[in-house]
């Protein structure tokens, strides 16, 4: 029996195609009626003719809606969001603390810019940021961030050095890296963490394993299994794209004009020196002061300077 097609929800919700989707739903209802009439021997022949006409009309409507919403040339190439991953490096508890501080710093920066943010993990190891220019401004943050300060637990007043790494993953409508689903193992499990009594009743969390590289991605931040699957696939594609770009950048490092660097997450890019109240970006040899404000998300000066240097392709 013909039924209303849930797969056209995007057409119903888009003002450009909502009126066509409504007509498509009407045709689906008519089809359901006609299929019932086909069960009557006296009406079967007429019903079959009407069904053929309705199916032709529905197919034409579907093609029209798809054409209206089809991406234009170049559309979807620019990332609509970024996923930022944070990992503690050398320095034990201080490194873990610094990784968390960096995540909060970028969240506060994103909020000041009016971007959408979402925690992708129970802690602050991964966050998603959506907004115009988010990728253009944040993509240069990939690399090792170093902090020099006196820990609260340090009684002798000795300055400790710790590190944390940041990875920026571009999330695109049309990923540059084409995934081969035959290379991916997919597992489903019950989501953990906050979310109410229903959170553990359905297997909505998704874990992907990319066999050729060994990369693993887990998504449990969305409410449905399909949404988590789509999110995990987008993140996996972004990880593979980033790995490919890192490899290419290393191979052609000598040819690069920009001082911004290769974008390699193992590259030391910045030092936060608390004793001197100074943040220094080693790639462009620029410094900024007032670390407390910077950690509160006041990053415009740093971000704009890096973006301008990269756009200019400085020697």
Foldseek 3Di string as FASTA:
>chain_A
DQAQDPVCVVQCPDPVRVVLSVVLRVLSVVLVVLVVQCVPVVCVVVSVVVNVVSVVVNVVSVVVSCVVPPDDVPPQPAFQKKKKFKFWDPDPPVSVVVSQLVLQLQVLQLVVVVWDKDQQDPGSRMMMTGDPCPCLLCLLQFAKEKEWAQDPPRPVRHIDITIMGMAIFGQTPDFPFDDDCVQKDKDWAQDDDDDDDCRHVDRQKMWIARNVVRDIFIGRRDDHNVVRVVVRVRRVSRVVVLVVQLVVCVVCVVVQLALSGSSHRHHHAWYCYPVVQWIAGPSVGDIDGDVVVSSSNPCVVVRVVVSVRVVVSHD
